[in-house]
Amino acid sequence: MTQGSDLQRVVGGVVRDLVEAARAQRADGRLTDTGLQALTFRASRRIVEHVAAAPTDGRAGMLPAVVTAMMLTVAELLSEEHRETGAPGGAERQPGAGS
C-alpha cells in the first residue's frame, strides 16, 4: 500500500466514523456544539498521529493530501446520502444550479 492510499484510508475512515458518531448522537438528541467539538477533536487526533509517524521533512507536504482526502470523503458521504434518500442534488446536480 502506498503512503498516499494509506493516508486516504486513514482519513476516510476517520471522517466516516466522525459522521456516524455525530448522526447517532443527533438521533438521540445528544449532539451539542460542545459534543461535536469533542468528536472532532478525537477524530483529528487519529489523523495527526498518522501524519506524525511520517518523516519530519515530509509532514508539511502531506497537508494538501489530508485536506483532499477529507473533502473527498465528505463528498462521497453526501452522494451516498442523496442516493439512499432519493433527494435531489446527488451526483447528477450541476455546479451552480442552486438548491
Protein backbone atom coordinates (compact mmCIF):
# COMPACT_ATOMS: atom_id res chain seq x y z
CA MET A 1 0.00 0.00 0.00
CA THR A 2 1.40 3.42 -0.90
CA GLN A 3 1.70 6.24 1.60
CA GLY A 4 -1.00 8.19 -0.27
CA SER A 5 -3.51 5.35 -0.32
CA ASP A 6 -2.79 4.61 3.33
CA LEU A 7 -3.40 8.26 4.18
CA GLN A 8 -6.67 8.22 2.20
CA ARG A 9 -7.75 5.07 4.06
CA VAL A 10 -6.99 6.56 7.49
CA VAL A 11 -8.51 9.97 6.79
CA GLY A 12 -11.54 8.48 5.05
CA GLY A 13 -12.15 6.13 7.98
CA VAL A 14 -11.81 8.95 10.49
CA VAL A 15 -14.27 11.17 8.64
CA ARG A 16 -16.77 8.34 8.21
CA ASP A 17 -16.51 7.45 11.92
CA LEU A 18 -16.98 11.11 12.88
CA VAL A 19 -20.08 11.49 10.72
CA GLU A 20 -21.54 8.22 12.02
CA ALA A 21 -20.96 9.23 15.65
CA ALA A 22 -22.45 12.69 15.07
CA ARG A 23 -25.51 11.20 13.37
CA ALA A 24 -26.01 8.74 16.22
CA GLN A 25 -25.79 11.48 18.83
CA ARG A 26 -28.08 13.74 16.82
CA ALA A 27 -30.65 10.94 16.52
CA ASP A 28 -30.56 10.52 20.30
CA GLY A 29 -30.93 14.27 20.80
CA ARG A 30 -27.50 14.45 22.43
CA LEU A 31 -25.49 16.39 19.82
CA THR A 32 -24.49 19.78 21.14
CA ASP A 33 -21.86 22.18 19.82
CA THR A 34 -19.56 21.06 22.63
CA GLY A 35 -20.21 17.42 21.83
CA LEU A 36 -19.47 17.97 18.14
CA GLN A 37 -16.23 19.74 19.06
CA ALA A 38 -15.25 16.78 21.27
CA LEU A 39 -16.00 14.29 18.48
CA THR A 40 -13.99 16.37 16.02
CA PHE A 41 -11.05 16.72 18.41
CA ARG A 42 -10.88 12.97 18.98
CA ALA A 43 -11.14 12.30 15.24
CA SER A 44 -8.45 14.83 14.36
CA ARG A 45 -6.05 13.21 16.83
CA ARG A 46 -6.14 9.99 14.79
CA ILE A 47 -5.13 11.92 11.66
CA VAL A 48 -2.42 13.87 13.49
CA GLU A 49 -0.99 10.64 14.93
CA HIS A 50 -0.86 9.12 11.45
CA VAL A 51 0.88 12.16 9.97
CA ALA A 52 3.28 12.35 12.93
CA ALA A 53 4.54 8.88 12.04
CA ALA A 54 5.78 10.19 8.68
CA PRO A 55 9.33 11.50 8.27
CA THR A 56 9.63 15.05 9.61
CA ASP A 57 10.64 16.56 6.27
CA GLY A 58 7.52 15.17 4.56
CA ARG A 59 4.83 16.16 7.06
CA ALA A 60 4.12 19.66 5.77
CA GLY A 61 3.74 18.27 2.26
CA MET A 62 1.03 15.91 3.49
CA LEU A 63 -1.37 18.73 4.40
CA PRO A 64 -2.87 19.08 0.90
CA ALA A 65 -3.38 15.30 0.73
CA VAL A 66 -5.10 15.28 4.13
CA VAL A 67 -7.45 18.10 3.16
CA THR A 68 -8.18 16.49 -0.21
CA ALA A 69 -8.92 13.13 1.44
CA MET A 70 -11.26 14.79 3.93
CA MET A 71 -13.14 16.68 1.23
CA LEU A 72 -13.38 13.59 -0.98
CA THR A 73 -14.83 11.54 1.87
CA VAL A 74 -17.38 14.24 2.73
CA ALA A 75 -18.42 14.42 -0.94
CA GLU A 76 -18.76 10.62 -1.06
CA LEU A 77 -20.87 10.59 2.09
CA LEU A 78 -23.16 13.31 0.74
CA SER A 79 -23.50 11.50 -2.57
CA GLU A 80 -24.35 8.23 -0.79
CA GLU A 81 -26.91 10.02 1.37
CA HIS A 82 -28.60 11.58 -1.64
CA ARG A 83 -28.74 8.23 -3.46
CA GLU A 84 -30.20 6.48 -0.41
CA THR A 85 -32.89 9.09 0.22
CA GLY A 86 -33.57 9.91 -3.40
CA ALA A 87 -33.11 13.56 -2.50
CA PRO A 88 -32.33 15.99 -5.30
CA GLY A 89 -28.79 17.24 -5.57
CA GLY A 90 -26.90 13.95 -5.87
CA ALA A 91 -24.20 13.24 -8.41
CA GLU A 92 -26.44 14.47 -11.24
CA ARG A 93 -26.61 18.01 -9.84
CA GLN A 94 -24.82 20.59 -11.89
CA PRO A 95 -22.45 23.02 -10.11
CA GLY A 96 -24.08 26.38 -9.57
CA ALA A 97 -27.56 25.03 -10.27
CA GLY A 98 -28.90 26.20 -6.91
CA SER A 99 -30.98 24.14 -4.49
